[in-house]
C-alpha atoms as a PDB file:
ATOM      1  CA  MET A   1     165.841 142.509  97.621  1.00  0.00           C
ATOM      2  CA  GLU A   2     163.412 143.622  98.841  1.00  0.00           C
ATOM      3  CA  ALA A   3     160.570 141.685 100.800  1.00  0.00           C
ATOM      4  CA  ARG A   4     157.170 141.000  98.795  1.00  0.00           C
ATOM      5  CA  MET A   5     154.732 140.259 101.812  1.00  0.00           C
ATOM      6  CA  ASP A   6     154.351 139.713 105.650  1.00  0.00           C
ATOM      7  CA  ILE A   7     152.575 136.112 104.857  1.00  0.00           C
ATOM      8  CA  TYR A   8     152.151 136.181 108.298  1.00  0.00           C
ATOM      9  CA  LYS A   9     150.460 139.171 109.140  1.00  0.00           C
ATOM     10  CA  LEU A  10     148.155 138.493 106.229  1.00  0.00           C
ATOM     11  CA  LEU A  11     147.649 135.050 107.308  1.00  0.00           C
ATOM     12  CA  PRO A  12     148.209 134.365 111.294  1.00  0.00           C
ATOM     13  CA  GLY A  13     146.145 131.328 110.870  1.00  0.00           C
ATOM     14  CA  ALA A  14     147.935 129.648 108.759  1.00  0.00           C
ATOM     15  CA  TYR A  15     151.670 131.093 110.422  1.00  0.00           C
ATOM     16  CA  LYS A  16     150.120 129.828 113.710  1.00  0.00           C
ATOM     17  CA  ALA A  17     149.229 125.909 112.104  1.00  0.00           C
ATOM     18  CA  MET A  18     152.733 126.492 110.680  1.00  0.00           C
ATOM     19  CA  MET A  19     154.135 126.811 114.645  1.00  0.00           C
ATOM     20  CA  GLY A  20     151.884 124.658 116.054  1.00  0.00           C
ATOM     21  CA  LEU A  21     153.771 121.615 112.901  1.00  0.00           C
ATOM     22  CA  GLN A  22     156.568 122.708 114.341  1.00  0.00           C
ATOM     23  CA  ALA A  23     156.206 122.439 118.075  1.00  0.00           C
ATOM     24  CA  PHE A  24     155.124 118.818 117.255  1.00  0.00           C
ATOM     25  CA  VAL A  25     158.260 118.360 115.676  1.00  0.00           C
ATOM     26  CA  ASN A  26     160.410 120.071 118.185  1.00  0.00           C
ATOM     27  CA  GLU A  27     158.725 118.239 120.968  1.00  0.00           C
ATOM     28  CA  CYS A  28     159.238 114.533 119.405  1.00  0.00           C
ATOM     29  CA  GLY A  29     162.517 114.259 120.907  1.00  0.00           C
ATOM     30  CA  LEU A  30     164.259 113.939 117.671  1.00  0.00           C
ATOM     31  CA  ASP A  31     168.249 114.489 117.976  1.00  0.00           C
ATOM     32  CA  LYS A  32     168.703 118.928 118.361  1.00  0.00           C
ATOM     33  CA  THR A  33     171.477 118.706 116.307  1.00  0.00           C
ATOM     34  CA  LEU A  34     170.284 116.698 114.030  1.00  0.00           C
ATOM     35  CA  THR A  35     167.182 118.705 113.390  1.00  0.00           C
ATOM     36  CA  GLU A  36     169.696 121.847 113.086  1.00  0.00           C
ATOM     37  CA  LEU A  37     171.464 119.989 110.471  1.00  0.00           C
ATOM     38  CA  ILE A  38     168.522 118.778 108.441  1.00  0.00           C
ATOM     39  CA  LYS A  39     167.067 122.677 108.534  1.00  0.00           C
ATOM     40  CA  ILE A  40     170.500 123.388 106.880  1.00  0.00           C
ATOM     41  CA  ARG A  41     170.373 120.768 104.309  1.00  0.00           C
ATOM     42  CA  ALA A  42     167.472 121.516 103.081  1.00  0.00           C
ATOM     43  CA  SER A  43     167.825 125.314 103.330  1.00  0.00           C
ATOM     44  CA  GLN A  44     170.886 124.797 101.361  1.00  0.00           C
ATOM     45  CA  ILE A  45     169.201 122.665  98.784  1.00  0.00           C
ATOM     46  CA  ASN A  46     165.969 125.092  98.409  1.00  0.00           C
ATOM     47  CA  GLY A  47     168.470 128.362  98.270  1.00  0.00           C
ATOM     48  CA  CYS A  48     166.479 130.062 101.634  1.00  0.00           C
ATOM     49  CA  ALA A  49     168.115 132.608 102.327  1.00  0.00           C
ATOM     50  CA  PHE A  50     166.353 133.537 105.638  1.00  0.00           C
ATOM     51  CA  CYS A  51     166.656 129.967 106.886  1.00  0.00           C
ATOM     52  CA  LEU A  52     170.087 129.679 106.432  1.00  0.00           C
ATOM     53  CA  ASN A  53     170.968 132.264 108.456  1.00  0.00           C
ATOM     54  CA  MET A  54     168.768 131.485 110.857  1.00  0.00           C
ATOM     55  CA  HIS A  55     169.817 127.935 111.416  1.00  0.00           C
ATOM     56  CA  THR A  56     173.588 128.055 110.904  1.00  0.00           C
ATOM     57  CA  LYS A  57     173.114 130.556 113.967  1.00  0.00           C
ATOM     58  CA  GLU A  58     170.679 128.124 116.328  1.00  0.00           C
ATOM     59  CA  ALA A  59     173.058 125.057 115.134  1.00  0.00           C
ATOM     60  CA  ARG A  60     176.471 127.325 116.397  1.00  0.00           C
ATOM     61  CA  GLN A  61     174.913 128.190 119.090  1.00  0.00           C
ATOM     62  CA  MET A  62     173.864 124.777 119.971  1.00  0.00           C
ATOM     63  CA  GLY A  63     177.844 123.771 119.608  1.00  0.00           C
ATOM     64  CA  GLU A  64     177.645 123.099 116.260  1.00  0.00           C
ATOM     65  CA  THR A  65     181.190 123.153 114.264  1.00  0.00           C
ATOM     66  CA  GLU A  66     182.060 125.479 111.746  1.00  0.00           C
ATOM     67  CA  GLN A  67     182.991 122.331 109.808  1.00  0.00           C
ATOM     68  CA  ARG A  68     180.254 120.636 110.049  1.00  0.00           C
ATOM     69  CA  ILE A  69     177.991 123.607 109.251  1.00  0.00           C
ATOM     70  CA  TYR A  70     180.075 124.272 105.998  1.00  0.00           C
ATOM     71  CA  GLY A  71     180.410 120.611 105.534  1.00  0.00           C
ATOM     72  CA  LEU A  72     176.467 120.095 104.836  1.00  0.00           C
ATOM     73  CA  SER A  73     176.570 120.427 100.605  1.00  0.00           C
ATOM     74  CA  ALA A  74     179.072 118.192 100.637  1.00  0.00           C
ATOM     75  CA  TRP A  75     178.115 115.323 102.913  1.00  0.00           C
ATOM     76  CA  GLU A  76     178.729 112.443 101.285  1.00  0.00           C
ATOM     77  CA  GLU A  77     182.561 113.327 101.042  1.00  0.00           C
ATOM     78  CA  ALA A  78     182.941 114.474 104.416  1.00  0.00           C
ATOM     79  CA  PRO A  79     184.242 112.433 106.980  1.00  0.00           C
ATOM     80  CA  TYR A  80     182.868 114.307 110.117  1.00  0.00           C
ATOM     81  CA  TYR A  81     178.947 112.973 109.918  1.00  0.00           C
ATOM     82  CA  THR A  82     177.731 109.888 111.531  1.00  0.00           C
ATOM     83  CA  ASP A  83     176.036 106.869 109.885  1.00  0.00           C
ATOM     84  CA  LYS A  84     172.629 108.452 111.588  1.00  0.00           C
ATOM     85  CA  GLU A  85     173.412 112.094 110.406  1.00  0.00           C
ATOM     86  CA  ARG A  86     174.109 110.328 106.993  1.00  0.00           C
ATOM     87  CA  ALA A  87     170.890 108.684 106.751  1.00  0.00           C
ATOM     88  CA  ALA A  88     168.928 111.275 107.763  1.00  0.00           C
ATOM     89  CA  LEU A  89     170.530 113.728 105.540  1.00  0.00           C
ATOM     90  CA  ALA A  90     169.852 111.457 102.851  1.00  0.00           C
ATOM     91  CA  LEU A  91     166.402 111.600 103.419  1.00  0.00           C
ATOM     92  CA  THR A  92     166.427 114.866 103.893  1.00  0.00           C
ATOM     93  CA  GLU A  93     167.945 115.140  99.938  1.00  0.00           C
ATOM     94  CA  ALA A  94     165.819 112.882  98.448  1.00  0.00           C
ATOM     95  CA  VAL A  95     162.197 114.120 100.204  1.00  0.00           C
ATOM     96  CA  THR A  96     163.186 117.793  99.537  1.00  0.00           C
ATOM     97  CA  LEU A  97     163.858 116.978  95.393  1.00  0.00           C
ATOM     98  CA  VAL A  98     160.878 114.274  96.175  1.00  0.00           C
ATOM     99  CA  SER A  99     159.506 115.117  92.755  1.00  0.00           C
ATOM    100  CA  ALA A 100     163.224 114.208  91.208  1.00  0.00           C
ATOM    101  CA  THR A 101     164.018 111.632  93.498  1.00  0.00           C
ATOM    102  CA  ARG A 102     160.499 109.668  94.599  1.00  0.00           C
ATOM    103  CA  VAL A 103     162.697 108.757  97.555  1.00  0.00           C
ATOM    104  CA  PRO A 104     164.609 105.939  96.416  1.00  0.00           C
ATOM    105  CA  ASP A 105     163.986 102.819  98.696  1.00  0.00           C
ATOM    106  CA  GLU A 106     167.545 102.732  98.938  1.00  0.00           C
ATOM    107  CA  VAL A 107     167.789 105.885 100.927  1.00  0.00           C
ATOM    108  CA  TYR A 108     164.571 104.699 102.759  1.00  0.00           C
ATOM    109  CA  LYS A 109     166.467 101.605 103.713  1.00  0.00           C
ATOM    110  CA  ALA A 110     169.716 103.318 104.774  1.00  0.00           C
ATOM    111  CA  ALA A 111     167.134 104.914 107.175  1.00  0.00           C
ATOM    112  CA  GLN A 112     165.505 101.872 108.322  1.00  0.00           C
ATOM    113  CA  ALA A 113     169.361 100.499 109.336  1.00  0.00           C
ATOM    114  CA  VAL A 114     169.553 102.985 111.591  1.00  0.00           C
ATOM    115  CA  PHE A 115     166.258 104.467 112.784  1.00  0.00           C
ATOM    116  CA  THR A 116     163.101 102.991 114.007  1.00  0.00           C
ATOM    117  CA  GLN A 117     159.471 103.475 112.111  1.00  0.00           C
ATOM    118  CA  GLN A 118     158.973 105.923 114.419  1.00  0.00           C
ATOM    119  CA  GLU A 119     161.495 108.423 114.302  1.00  0.00           C
ATOM    120  CA  ILE A 120     161.799 108.009 110.488  1.00  0.00           C
ATOM    121  CA  ALA A 121     158.495 109.535 110.633  1.00  0.00           C
ATOM    122  CA  ILE A 122     159.668 112.233 112.809  1.00  0.00           C
ATOM    123  CA  ILE A 123     162.332 112.963 110.715  1.00  0.00           C
ATOM    124  CA  THR A 124     159.887 113.312 107.382  1.00  0.00           C
ATOM    125  CA  MET A 125     158.161 115.896 109.618  1.00  0.00           C
ATOM    126  CA  ALA A 126     160.868 117.459 110.562  1.00  0.00           C
ATOM    127  CA  ILE A 127     161.611 117.627 106.689  1.00  0.00           C
ATOM    128  CA  VAL A 128     158.201 118.719 105.553  1.00  0.00           C
ATOM    129  CA  ALA A 129     157.829 121.477 108.270  1.00  0.00           C
ATOM    130  CA  ILE A 130     161.448 123.042 106.900  1.00  0.00           C
ATOM    131  CA  ASN A 131     160.714 122.784 103.131  1.00  0.00           C
ATOM    132  CA  SER A 132     157.463 124.268 103.734  1.00  0.00           C
ATOM    133  CA  TRP A 133     159.090 127.073 106.165  1.00  0.00           C
ATOM    134  CA  ASN A 134     161.833 127.586 102.943  1.00  0.00           C
ATOM    135  CA  ARG A 135     158.562 127.893 100.138  1.00  0.00           C
ATOM    136  CA  ILE A 136     157.190 130.452 102.229  1.00  0.00           C
ATOM    137  CA  ALA A 137     160.410 132.331 103.338  1.00  0.00           C
ATOM    138  CA  ILE A 138     161.123 132.191  99.477  1.00  0.00           C
ATOM    139  CA  THR A 139     158.310 133.293  97.873  1.00  0.00           C
ATOM    140  CA  SER A 140     157.722 135.993 100.185  1.00  0.00           C
ATOM    141  CA  ARG A 141     161.227 137.123  99.797  1.00  0.00           C
ATOM    142  CA  THR A 142     161.232 137.103 103.902  1.00  0.00           C
ATOM    143  CA  LEU A 143     165.096 138.732 105.012  1.00  0.00           C
ATOM    144  CA  PRO A 144     167.634 137.201 106.525  1.00  0.00           C
ATOM    145  CA  GLN A 145     167.501 138.830 110.339  1.00  0.00           C
ATOM    146  CA  GLY A 146     171.254 140.142 111.478  1.00  0.00           C
END
């Protein structure tokens, strides 16, 4: 497979804006491990090889286990995720598949049970950011590195 375009070189202002959103999310105080789990799960759903490659490596560098990374596609059946991680992963799936799910009330209520409204807002922006990165990388066929 070949890359279609380097969208970042073609639209540096858009890349700068995306980096600004990502920097905002990164600085909001959300647990870094949780953030990587969100990025990996959304990237699995979207089929983004570039982002999966990047974020699984980053998660491992942060100390995340292979078992938890590999288990993300079946997180509902896996016993090694916390209640907060489960709520965030359910929200990740619902927001990523928003045209089909409409983000059900039960998913949102589960998030409210373990997160503050502020934290839910931050998680939502983290999900929005990775979904945007996925769509850019998939459309432009950005190839995995290394």
